[in-house]
Amino acid sequence: MFLDKIALAVAIIGGLNWGSIGLFDFDLVAFISGGPGTWLARIVYTIVGLAALWCLTLLFRTEDGRARHSHA
Protein backbone atom coordinates (compact mmCIF):
# COMPACT_ATOMS: atom_id res chain seq x y z
CA MET A 1 0.00 0.00 0.00
CA PHE A 2 2.87 2.38 0.77
CA LEU A 3 4.50 1.57 -2.59
CA ASP A 4 1.17 2.20 -4.31
CA LYS A 5 1.00 5.71 -2.86
CA ILE A 6 4.61 6.48 -3.76
CA ALA A 7 4.10 5.22 -7.32
CA LEU A 8 0.90 7.22 -7.67
CA ALA A 9 2.58 10.40 -6.41
CA VAL A 10 5.52 9.95 -8.80
CA ALA A 11 3.15 9.25 -11.72
CA ILE A 12 1.12 12.36 -10.89
CA ILE A 13 4.28 14.49 -10.72
CA GLY A 14 5.31 13.05 -14.09
CA GLY A 15 1.89 13.85 -15.50
CA LEU A 16 2.14 17.41 -14.26
CA ASN A 17 5.55 17.70 -15.94
CA TRP A 18 4.02 16.47 -19.21
CA GLY A 19 1.23 19.02 -18.75
CA SER A 20 3.78 21.79 -18.38
CA ILE A 21 5.51 20.58 -21.54
CA GLY A 22 2.22 20.63 -23.45
CA LEU A 23 0.97 23.94 -22.14
CA PHE A 24 4.13 25.96 -21.70
CA ASP A 25 6.81 24.03 -23.61
CA PHE A 26 8.70 23.79 -20.32
CA ASP A 27 10.22 20.50 -19.13
CA LEU A 28 10.99 20.87 -15.43
CA VAL A 29 13.00 17.64 -15.31
CA ALA A 30 15.20 18.76 -18.19
CA PHE A 31 15.55 22.22 -16.66
CA ILE A 32 16.68 20.83 -13.29
CA SER A 33 18.95 18.14 -14.72
CA GLY A 34 20.63 20.16 -17.46
CA GLY A 35 18.78 18.79 -20.48
CA PRO A 36 16.47 15.96 -21.51
CA GLY A 37 19.30 13.69 -22.60
CA THR A 38 21.39 13.80 -19.43
CA TRP A 39 21.78 10.65 -17.36
CA LEU A 40 19.90 12.26 -14.45
CA ALA A 41 16.93 13.19 -16.63
CA ARG A 42 16.86 9.69 -18.12
CA ILE A 43 16.81 8.18 -14.63
CA VAL A 44 13.93 10.45 -13.58
CA TYR A 45 11.97 9.66 -16.76
CA THR A 46 12.56 5.93 -16.19
CA ILE A 47 11.37 6.14 -12.58
CA VAL A 48 8.23 7.98 -13.68
CA GLY A 49 7.59 5.36 -16.36
CA LEU A 50 8.04 2.51 -13.89
CA ALA A 51 5.72 4.25 -11.45
CA ALA A 52 3.08 4.54 -14.16
CA LEU A 53 3.43 0.83 -14.94
CA TRP A 54 3.01 0.04 -11.24
CA CYS A 55 -0.11 2.22 -11.16
CA LEU A 56 -1.60 0.12 -13.96
CA THR A 57 -1.77 -2.75 -11.50
CA LEU A 58 -4.09 -0.65 -9.34
CA LEU A 59 -6.76 -0.96 -12.04
CA PHE A 60 -6.86 -4.73 -11.71
CA ARG A 61 -6.82 -5.12 -7.94
CA THR A 62 -9.74 -5.66 -5.63
CA GLU A 63 -9.89 -4.21 -2.14
CA ASP A 64 -8.23 -7.27 -0.64
CA GLY A 65 -5.27 -6.91 -3.04
CA ARG A 66 -5.86 -9.96 -5.19
CA ALA A 67 -6.18 -9.69 -8.96
CA ARG A 68 -9.72 -9.76 -10.35
CA HIS A 69 -10.62 -12.79 -12.41
CA SER A 70 -13.81 -13.06 -14.43
CA HIS A 71 -15.59 -16.34 -14.01
CA ALA A 72 -17.84 -17.39 -16.85
C-alpha atoms as a PDB file:
ATOM      1  CA  MET A   1       0.000   0.000   0.000  1.00  0.00           C
ATOM      2  CA  PHE A   2       2.874   2.377   0.767  1.00  0.00           C
ATOM      3  CA  LEU A   3       4.504   1.574  -2.593  1.00  0.00           C
ATOM      4  CA  ASP A   4       1.170   2.205  -4.310  1.00  0.00           C
ATOM      5  CA  LYS A   5       1.001   5.713  -2.862  1.00  0.00           C
ATOM      6  CA  ILE A   6       4.613   6.485  -3.758  1.00  0.00           C
ATOM      7  CA  ALA A   7       4.099   5.222  -7.320  1.00  0.00           C
ATOM      8  CA  LEU A   8       0.902   7.221  -7.666  1.00  0.00           C
ATOM      9  CA  ALA A   9       2.580  10.397  -6.406  1.00  0.00           C
ATOM     10  CA  VAL A  10       5.516   9.949  -8.804  1.00  0.00           C
ATOM     11  CA  ALA A  11       3.152   9.252 -11.724  1.00  0.00           C
ATOM     12  CA  ILE A  12       1.122  12.362 -10.887  1.00  0.00           C
ATOM     13  CA  ILE A  13       4.276  14.490 -10.723  1.00  0.00           C
ATOM     14  CA  GLY A  14       5.313  13.053 -14.094  1.00  0.00           C
ATOM     15  CA  GLY A  15       1.891  13.849 -15.501  1.00  0.00           C
ATOM     16  CA  LEU A  16       2.144  17.411 -14.263  1.00  0.00           C
ATOM     17  CA  ASN A  17       5.545  17.695 -15.937  1.00  0.00           C
ATOM     18  CA  TRP A  18       4.022  16.473 -19.207  1.00  0.00           C
ATOM     19  CA  GLY A  19       1.228  19.019 -18.755  1.00  0.00           C
ATOM     20  CA  SER A  20       3.779  21.789 -18.377  1.00  0.00           C
ATOM     21  CA  ILE A  21       5.507  20.582 -21.540  1.00  0.00           C
ATOM     22  CA  GLY A  22       2.217  20.631 -23.450  1.00  0.00           C
ATOM     23  CA  LEU A  23       0.967  23.940 -22.143  1.00  0.00           C
ATOM     24  CA  PHE A  24       4.131  25.961 -21.701  1.00  0.00           C
ATOM     25  CA  ASP A  25       6.810  24.031 -23.615  1.00  0.00           C
ATOM     26  CA  PHE A  26       8.699  23.789 -20.318  1.00  0.00           C
ATOM     27  CA  ASP A  27      10.216  20.502 -19.133  1.00  0.00           C
ATOM     28  CA  LEU A  28      10.986  20.873 -15.431  1.00  0.00           C
ATOM     29  CA  VAL A  29      13.005  17.636 -15.310  1.00  0.00           C
ATOM     30  CA  ALA A  30      15.198  18.758 -18.194  1.00  0.00           C
ATOM     31  CA  PHE A  31      15.547  22.216 -16.656  1.00  0.00           C
ATOM     32  CA  ILE A  32      16.683  20.833 -13.293  1.00  0.00           C
ATOM     33  CA  SER A  33      18.950  18.137 -14.722  1.00  0.00           C
ATOM     34  CA  GLY A  34      20.631  20.160 -17.464  1.00  0.00           C
ATOM     35  CA  GLY A  35      18.778  18.794 -20.476  1.00  0.00           C
ATOM     36  CA  PRO A  36      16.467  15.962 -21.512  1.00  0.00           C
ATOM     37  CA  GLY A  37      19.304  13.685 -22.597  1.00  0.00           C
ATOM     38  CA  THR A  38      21.388  13.797 -19.426  1.00  0.00           C
ATOM     39  CA  TRP A  39      21.780  10.654 -17.362  1.00  0.00           C
ATOM     40  CA  LEU A  40      19.900  12.264 -14.454  1.00  0.00           C
ATOM     41  CA  ALA A  41      16.926  13.189 -16.631  1.00  0.00           C
ATOM     42  CA  ARG A  42      16.858   9.690 -18.119  1.00  0.00           C
ATOM     43  CA  ILE A  43      16.811   8.179 -14.633  1.00  0.00           C
ATOM     44  CA  VAL A  44      13.934  10.448 -13.579  1.00  0.00           C
ATOM     45  CA  TYR A  45      11.971   9.658 -16.762  1.00  0.00           C
ATOM     46  CA  THR A  46      12.565   5.933 -16.186  1.00  0.00           C
ATOM     47  CA  ILE A  47      11.372   6.144 -12.580  1.00  0.00           C
ATOM     48  CA  VAL A  48       8.228   7.984 -13.684  1.00  0.00           C
ATOM     49  CA  GLY A  49       7.586   5.358 -16.355  1.00  0.00           C
ATOM     50  CA  LEU A  50       8.040   2.507 -13.885  1.00  0.00           C
ATOM     51  CA  ALA A  51       5.721   4.250 -11.447  1.00  0.00           C
ATOM     52  CA  ALA A  52       3.082   4.536 -14.165  1.00  0.00           C
ATOM     53  CA  LEU A  53       3.430   0.826 -14.945  1.00  0.00           C
ATOM     54  CA  TRP A  54       3.013   0.039 -11.244  1.00  0.00           C
ATOM     55  CA  CYS A  55      -0.112   2.221 -11.164  1.00  0.00           C
ATOM     56  CA  LEU A  56      -1.596   0.124 -13.960  1.00  0.00           C
ATOM     57  CA  THR A  57      -1.773  -2.755 -11.504  1.00  0.00           C
ATOM     58  CA  LEU A  58      -4.091  -0.647  -9.342  1.00  0.00           C
ATOM     59  CA  LEU A  59      -6.756  -0.957 -12.039  1.00  0.00           C
ATOM     60  CA  PHE A  60      -6.862  -4.730 -11.710  1.00  0.00           C
ATOM     61  CA  ARG A  61      -6.816  -5.123  -7.943  1.00  0.00           C
ATOM     62  CA  THR A  62      -9.738  -5.664  -5.633  1.00  0.00           C
ATOM     63  CA  GLU A  63      -9.895  -4.206  -2.143  1.00  0.00           C
ATOM     64  CA  ASP A  64      -8.228  -7.273  -0.642  1.00  0.00           C
ATOM     65  CA  GLY A  65      -5.273  -6.915  -3.040  1.00  0.00           C
ATOM     66  CA  ARG A  66      -5.858  -9.960  -5.194  1.00  0.00           C
ATOM     67  CA  ALA A  67      -6.183  -9.689  -8.957  1.00  0.00           C
ATOM     68  CA  ARG A  68      -9.719  -9.755 -10.347  1.00  0.00           C
ATOM     69  CA  HIS A  69     -10.623 -12.792 -12.409  1.00  0.00           C
ATOM     70  CA  SER A  70     -13.813 -13.062 -14.428  1.00  0.00           C
ATOM     71  CA  HIS A  71     -15.592 -16.341 -14.008  1.00  0.00           C
ATOM     72  CA  ALA A  72     -17.836 -17.388 -16.853  1.00  0.00           C
END
